[in-house]
Each structure stands twice: as structure tokens, then as C-alpha cells.
Protein backbone atom coordinates (compact mmCIF):
# COMPACT_ATOMS: atom_id res chain seq x y z
CA MET A 1 73.24 125.30 169.15
CA LYS A 2 74.69 125.80 172.06
CA ALA A 3 74.73 128.96 173.60
CA ASP A 4 78.64 129.72 173.35
CA GLN A 5 77.91 128.87 169.94
CA PRO A 6 78.36 131.96 167.27
CA LEU A 7 75.80 132.32 165.46
CA LEU A 8 76.93 132.85 161.88
CA TYR A 9 75.14 134.16 158.69
CA TYR A 10 76.14 132.84 155.63
CA LYS A 11 75.45 134.94 151.46
CA THR A 12 76.71 132.81 148.39
CA LYS A 13 78.90 134.79 146.35
CA GLU A 14 76.11 135.24 143.46
CA GLN A 15 73.47 136.56 147.06
CA ILE A 16 75.80 139.43 147.61
CA GLU A 17 76.48 140.56 144.00
CA GLU A 18 72.54 140.52 143.68
CA TYR A 19 72.50 142.96 146.80
CA ARG A 20 75.01 145.01 145.48
CA LYS A 21 72.68 145.76 141.98
CA LYS A 22 70.09 146.82 144.32
CA PRO A 23 69.34 151.35 144.17
CA ALA A 24 70.63 152.43 147.44
CA LEU A 25 66.72 153.59 148.62
CA GLU A 26 65.74 150.46 148.69
CA LYS A 27 68.82 149.16 150.40
CA LEU A 28 68.45 152.84 153.31
CA VAL A 29 64.47 151.86 153.06
CA TRP A 30 64.98 147.98 153.75
CA LEU A 31 68.50 149.20 156.83
CA GLU A 32 65.16 151.15 157.94
CA ALA A 33 62.58 148.41 158.49
CA GLN A 34 65.52 146.16 160.10
CA MET A 35 66.31 148.94 162.88
CA GLU A 36 62.65 149.81 163.85
CA PHE A 37 61.99 145.45 164.59
CA PHE A 38 65.09 145.35 166.08
CA TYR A 39 64.51 148.63 168.39
CA LYS A 40 60.66 146.93 169.22
CA ALA A 41 62.73 144.11 170.45
CA MET A 42 65.04 145.56 172.55
CA PRO A 43 64.77 145.07 175.62
CA GLU A 44 63.56 148.52 177.52
CA LYS A 45 66.81 148.39 179.57
CA ALA A 46 69.20 147.63 176.05
CA LYS A 47 66.86 151.21 174.76
CA ARG A 48 68.02 152.83 177.69
CA ILE A 49 71.67 152.60 177.72
CA ARG A 50 71.68 152.82 173.55
CA GLU A 51 70.12 156.39 174.04
CA ARG A 52 72.24 157.39 176.75
CA LEU A 53 74.82 156.55 174.04
CA LEU A 54 73.24 157.77 171.41
CA SER A 55 72.89 161.45 173.49
């Protein structure tokens, strides 16, 4: 993949339907885990910018 190409992410209709069937709490727990991971992987400069935007 070239640096100028976007990262594409695909899900089938069946996968989307399975996700829709999951309870809201399960989806929120998963989302929280993803947000924690991305925050830990985020560069310090990005964290400072994010904190300024959220305050």
C-alpha cells in the first residue's frame, strides 16, 4: 500500500447485522477499550491537542 492511499475497512452485510444484534452495553465496552488503546498509542503532541479540544 502506498502512503498516499487511504486505509480501507470493509464489513459484509452479515457482519454488520451481527453487530447490530449485540446489546448496547457490549458495544460501549468494546468502544471504551478501543478508545483506551488509541489514547495509549497516540503521540504526546496529539494527546495535548486532544486535551485542549476536550476542555
